[in-house]
Amino acid sequence: MIITHAVNVHGQSRVYLGGTGSLFAWIEPLPDSPRWVFRFKEGLCANPLLDQDMRSWATHLLLKLADLLNVAPADLANVPYEAIASLHNDSPLEHARMPTPRKRTLGTAYMATSPGITRPSGDFHPGDYSNRNRRR
């Protein structure tokens, strides 16, 4: 199963479960707690799913996660968020460049990062690169 730890520019963390096909599923940490909450919604570019199909797919993802963590499904809620984030799969595209417009920043996007990184590498200010703005 694909497990991707991601952080947005505000430092908020998520762990996405599975691919990004017909269902987006992720967990988010609860504030000031090692516990987490599971969320899912219909994928953006996917075939529409019935609610019962989305729920059964989400249940399958949670059962697979419990299997990966070697815990009983009933005990999955007691596994700390950091333990699940540590299952992050390294992407072959991790060091590739992410195309984004130079003048804009994606304010709500989550970027895949290894757990433990507190500031996304895409979080920068144009002044940090002032040497590129000099005329030749």
Protein backbone atom coordinates (compact mmCIF):
# COMPACT_ATOMS: atom_id res chain seq x y z
CA MET A 1 0.00 0.00 0.00
CA ILE A 2 1.22 3.51 -0.79
CA ILE A 3 1.63 5.59 2.37
CA THR A 4 2.69 9.20 1.89
CA HIS A 5 3.51 11.64 4.67
CA ALA A 6 2.81 15.19 3.49
CA VAL A 7 3.13 18.68 4.96
CA ASN A 8 1.63 21.94 3.73
CA VAL A 9 3.22 25.42 3.88
CA HIS A 10 1.55 26.04 7.26
CA GLY A 11 3.30 23.02 8.80
CA GLN A 12 0.13 20.91 9.00
CA SER A 13 0.78 17.22 8.49
CA ARG A 14 -1.20 14.43 6.83
CA VAL A 15 -0.58 10.81 5.96
CA TYR A 16 -2.28 9.75 2.74
CA LEU A 17 -3.28 6.10 2.45
CA GLY A 18 -3.43 4.35 -0.91
CA GLY A 19 -3.20 6.00 -4.30
CA THR A 20 -5.16 8.99 -5.51
CA GLY A 21 -7.66 7.23 -7.74
CA SER A 22 -11.35 7.19 -6.95
CA LEU A 23 -10.88 7.89 -3.25
CA PHE A 24 -8.65 10.25 -1.26
CA ALA A 25 -8.04 8.83 2.22
CA TRP A 26 -5.80 10.35 4.86
CA ILE A 27 -5.20 10.66 8.57
CA GLU A 28 -4.46 13.89 10.43
CA PRO A 29 -2.98 14.24 13.90
CA LEU A 30 -5.18 15.62 16.65
CA PRO A 31 -3.74 18.76 18.27
CA ASP A 32 -1.56 18.10 21.34
CA SER A 33 -2.17 14.36 21.17
CA PRO A 34 -0.52 11.27 19.67
CA ARG A 35 -3.97 10.25 18.38
CA TRP A 36 -5.31 10.87 14.89
CA VAL A 37 -8.51 11.13 12.85
CA PHE A 38 -9.28 9.30 9.58
CA ARG A 39 -10.90 11.19 6.71
CA PHE A 40 -11.81 10.36 3.14
CA LYS A 41 -13.54 11.93 0.18
CA GLU A 42 -14.17 11.23 -3.46
CA GLY A 43 -11.16 11.65 -5.76
CA LEU A 44 -10.99 14.66 -8.05
CA CYS A 45 -10.47 12.88 -11.36
CA ALA A 46 -12.27 9.66 -10.70
CA ASN A 47 -15.45 7.84 -11.51
CA PRO A 48 -18.23 8.67 -9.06
CA LEU A 49 -18.59 6.16 -6.24
CA LEU A 50 -21.62 5.32 -4.18
CA ASP A 51 -21.33 6.13 -0.47
CA GLN A 52 -21.34 2.44 0.45
CA ASP A 53 -18.51 1.78 -2.03
CA MET A 54 -16.44 4.64 -0.61
CA ARG A 55 -16.98 3.33 2.93
CA SER A 56 -16.01 -0.22 1.99
CA TRP A 57 -12.89 1.06 0.20
CA ALA A 58 -11.98 3.18 3.25
CA THR A 59 -12.53 0.17 5.53
CA HIS A 60 -10.25 -1.91 3.31
CA LEU A 61 -7.51 0.75 3.59
CA LEU A 62 -7.76 0.77 7.39
CA LEU A 63 -7.64 -3.03 7.53
CA LYS A 64 -4.56 -3.03 5.30
CA LEU A 65 -2.95 -0.37 7.52
CA ALA A 66 -3.62 -2.51 10.61
CA ASP A 67 -2.03 -5.47 8.82
CA LEU A 68 1.08 -3.42 7.94
CA LEU A 69 1.41 -2.28 11.55
CA ASN A 70 0.84 -5.83 12.80
CA VAL A 71 -1.98 -4.79 15.13
CA ALA A 72 -5.56 -5.95 15.46
CA PRO A 73 -8.04 -3.71 13.62
CA ALA A 74 -9.70 -2.86 16.95
CA ASP A 75 -6.34 -1.56 18.27
CA LEU A 76 -5.52 0.59 15.23
CA ALA A 77 -6.91 3.74 16.86
CA ASN A 78 -4.33 3.38 19.65
CA VAL A 79 -1.33 3.47 17.28
CA PRO A 80 0.38 6.91 17.51
CA TYR A 81 0.30 9.16 14.46
CA GLU A 82 4.12 9.23 14.29
CA ALA A 83 4.24 5.44 14.01
CA ILE A 84 1.97 5.56 10.97
CA ALA A 85 3.90 8.49 9.46
CA SER A 86 7.10 6.43 9.76
CA LEU A 87 5.67 4.03 7.14
CA HIS A 88 6.15 6.78 4.52
CA ASN A 89 7.13 5.27 1.16
CA ASP A 90 10.00 7.05 -0.54
CA SER A 91 8.86 8.23 -3.91
CA PRO A 92 11.14 7.77 -6.93
CA LEU A 93 10.23 11.36 -7.78
CA GLU A 94 11.13 12.75 -4.33
CA HIS A 95 14.12 14.73 -5.58
CA ALA A 96 12.52 15.73 -8.86
CA ARG A 97 11.47 19.30 -9.48
CA MET A 98 7.84 20.14 -8.89
CA PRO A 99 6.57 22.51 -11.61
CA THR A 100 4.84 25.54 -10.08
CA PRO A 101 4.34 29.10 -11.30
CA ARG A 102 7.21 31.34 -10.20
CA LYS A 103 5.02 34.21 -9.01
CA ARG A 104 2.51 32.16 -7.01
CA THR A 105 2.63 29.77 -4.10
CA LEU A 106 0.19 26.93 -3.60
CA GLY A 107 -1.27 27.90 -0.23
CA THR A 108 -3.33 24.80 0.41
CA ALA A 109 -1.21 22.08 -1.19
CA TYR A 110 0.41 19.26 0.74
CA MET A 111 3.85 18.16 -0.44
CA ALA A 112 5.25 14.69 0.22
CA THR A 113 8.03 14.86 2.81
CA SER A 114 9.81 12.33 4.97
CA PRO A 115 8.62 12.38 8.59
CA GLY A 116 10.66 14.66 10.82
CA ILE A 117 10.98 17.50 8.32
CA THR A 118 9.30 20.50 9.93
CA ARG A 119 9.51 22.95 7.02
CA PRO A 120 8.68 21.93 3.43
CA SER A 121 11.52 22.48 1.00
CA GLY A 122 9.12 24.44 -1.23
CA ASP A 123 8.57 27.05 1.51
CA PHE A 124 10.79 29.90 0.41
CA HIS A 125 10.74 33.63 -0.23
CA PRO A 126 11.91 35.31 -3.46
CA GLY A 127 14.41 37.35 -1.43
CA ASP A 128 16.24 34.14 -0.58
CA TYR A 129 17.30 33.99 -4.21
CA SER A 130 18.21 37.64 -4.78
CA ASN A 131 21.47 36.69 -6.53
CA ARG A 132 19.40 35.36 -9.44
CA ASN A 133 17.71 38.72 -9.94
CA ARG A 134 20.90 40.64 -10.82
CA ARG A 135 21.18 41.92 -14.36
CA ARG A 136 24.12 40.79 -16.42
